[in-house]
Amino acid sequence: MQQQGFELRGSFQYVTVAALDGALASARSQIDDDDQGEHADEWMRGFSRRGATLQVAARLPASADRYLAAEVIDVLARTAVGGVVEIQHGGRCVDLFTAKA
């Protein structure tokens, strides 16, 4: 039986590109402070920018810390003015992060 992984899907909008830059810097700090942070670069490749919008379409590898991924998404949600990102497992939403600003 194949084990299904976790996926991150959605987007966040920020007031400015500078606000998006600040959110990404805060997320990077969260990763750098974590012992499992070395695996984050792999799944963060699924993050892309378009202006002041951050698109998230990433699959967590088995080696990734899903709790760290949730912390990173939460940090990104704190200053977002719109949008939502889901963490899915087996096609079902297991966590939902909405913009909080």
Protein backbone atom coordinates (compact mmCIF):
# COMPACT_ATOMS: atom_id res chain seq x y z
CA MET A 1 0.00 0.00 0.00
CA GLN A 2 1.43 3.36 -1.01
CA GLN A 3 1.66 5.94 1.76
CA GLN A 4 0.04 9.22 0.81
CA GLY A 5 1.96 12.37 1.62
CA PHE A 6 0.95 15.81 2.78
CA GLU A 7 0.31 18.58 0.30
CA LEU A 8 0.16 22.34 0.77
CA ARG A 9 -2.21 24.18 -1.59
CA GLY A 10 -3.45 27.74 -1.86
CA SER A 11 -2.24 31.34 -1.87
CA PHE A 12 -1.81 34.38 0.32
CA GLN A 13 -2.04 38.02 -0.77
CA TYR A 14 -0.07 40.81 0.88
CA VAL A 15 -0.49 44.57 0.78
CA THR A 16 2.87 45.10 -0.92
CA VAL A 17 5.79 43.12 -2.29
CA ALA A 18 7.78 44.37 0.72
CA ALA A 19 5.18 42.85 3.05
CA LEU A 20 5.53 39.52 1.20
CA ASP A 21 9.32 39.79 1.52
CA GLY A 22 8.95 40.37 5.27
CA ALA A 23 6.61 37.37 5.64
CA LEU A 24 9.06 35.13 3.80
CA ALA A 25 11.93 36.39 5.96
CA SER A 26 9.91 35.58 9.10
CA ALA A 27 9.13 32.12 7.73
CA ARG A 28 12.81 31.56 6.96
CA SER A 29 13.68 32.53 10.56
CA GLN A 30 11.21 29.92 11.80
CA ILE A 31 12.92 27.31 9.64
CA ASP A 32 16.42 28.33 10.69
CA ASP A 33 15.43 27.99 14.36
CA ASP A 34 14.20 24.40 13.89
CA ASP A 35 16.35 21.27 13.99
CA GLN A 36 14.48 19.82 10.99
CA GLY A 37 14.84 22.98 8.92
CA GLU A 38 17.36 21.50 6.51
CA HIS A 39 14.53 19.63 4.72
CA ALA A 40 12.37 22.73 4.25
CA ASP A 41 14.17 23.95 1.13
CA GLU A 42 12.89 20.88 -0.72
CA TRP A 43 9.18 21.55 -0.13
CA MET A 44 9.50 25.34 -0.22
CA ARG A 45 10.39 25.06 -3.91
CA GLY A 46 6.63 24.74 -4.33
CA PHE A 47 6.23 28.39 -3.27
CA SER A 48 6.10 30.94 -6.07
CA ARG A 49 5.57 34.68 -6.17
CA ARG A 50 3.53 36.85 -8.47
CA GLY A 51 3.67 40.47 -7.37
CA ALA A 52 2.39 40.60 -3.79
CA THR A 53 0.84 37.11 -3.99
CA LEU A 54 2.45 33.93 -2.73
CA GLN A 55 1.25 30.76 -4.47
CA VAL A 56 1.73 27.51 -2.55
CA ALA A 57 1.69 24.14 -4.34
CA ALA A 58 4.05 21.83 -2.48
CA ARG A 59 4.30 18.18 -1.50
CA LEU A 60 6.02 17.34 1.76
CA PRO A 61 8.58 14.55 1.38
CA ALA A 62 8.63 11.78 3.97
CA SER A 63 11.71 13.39 5.54
CA ALA A 64 9.92 16.72 6.12
CA ASP A 65 8.55 17.80 9.48
CA ARG A 66 4.84 18.44 8.88
CA TYR A 67 4.57 20.44 12.12
CA LEU A 68 7.31 22.78 10.94
CA ALA A 69 5.45 23.16 7.64
CA ALA A 70 2.32 24.13 9.57
CA GLU A 71 4.31 26.67 11.62
CA VAL A 72 5.75 28.18 8.43
CA ILE A 73 2.30 28.49 6.83
CA ASP A 74 0.95 30.05 10.04
CA VAL A 75 3.77 32.63 10.03
CA LEU A 76 2.96 33.48 6.41
CA ALA A 77 -0.75 33.82 7.23
CA ARG A 78 -0.15 36.34 10.03
CA THR A 79 0.56 39.27 7.73
CA ALA A 80 -1.43 38.16 4.69
CA VAL A 81 -4.48 40.29 3.89
CA GLY A 82 -6.25 37.62 1.87
CA GLY A 83 -6.13 34.01 0.88
CA VAL A 84 -6.05 30.56 2.36
CA VAL A 85 -3.64 27.61 2.35
CA GLU A 86 -4.70 24.05 3.12
CA ILE A 87 -2.63 21.13 4.28
CA GLN A 88 -4.10 18.00 2.71
CA HIS A 89 -3.49 14.32 3.33
CA GLY A 90 -5.07 11.73 1.07
CA GLY A 91 -7.08 14.44 -0.67
CA ARG A 92 -8.68 15.59 2.60
CA CYS A 93 -8.04 18.90 4.33
CA VAL A 94 -6.31 18.28 7.67
CA ASP A 95 -5.47 21.91 8.42
CA LEU A 96 -6.54 25.27 7.06
CA PHE A 97 -4.71 28.59 7.37
CA THR A 98 -6.52 31.80 6.48
CA ALA A 99 -5.05 35.29 6.18
CA LYS A 100 -5.03 36.99 9.57
CA ALA A 101 -4.17 40.63 8.86
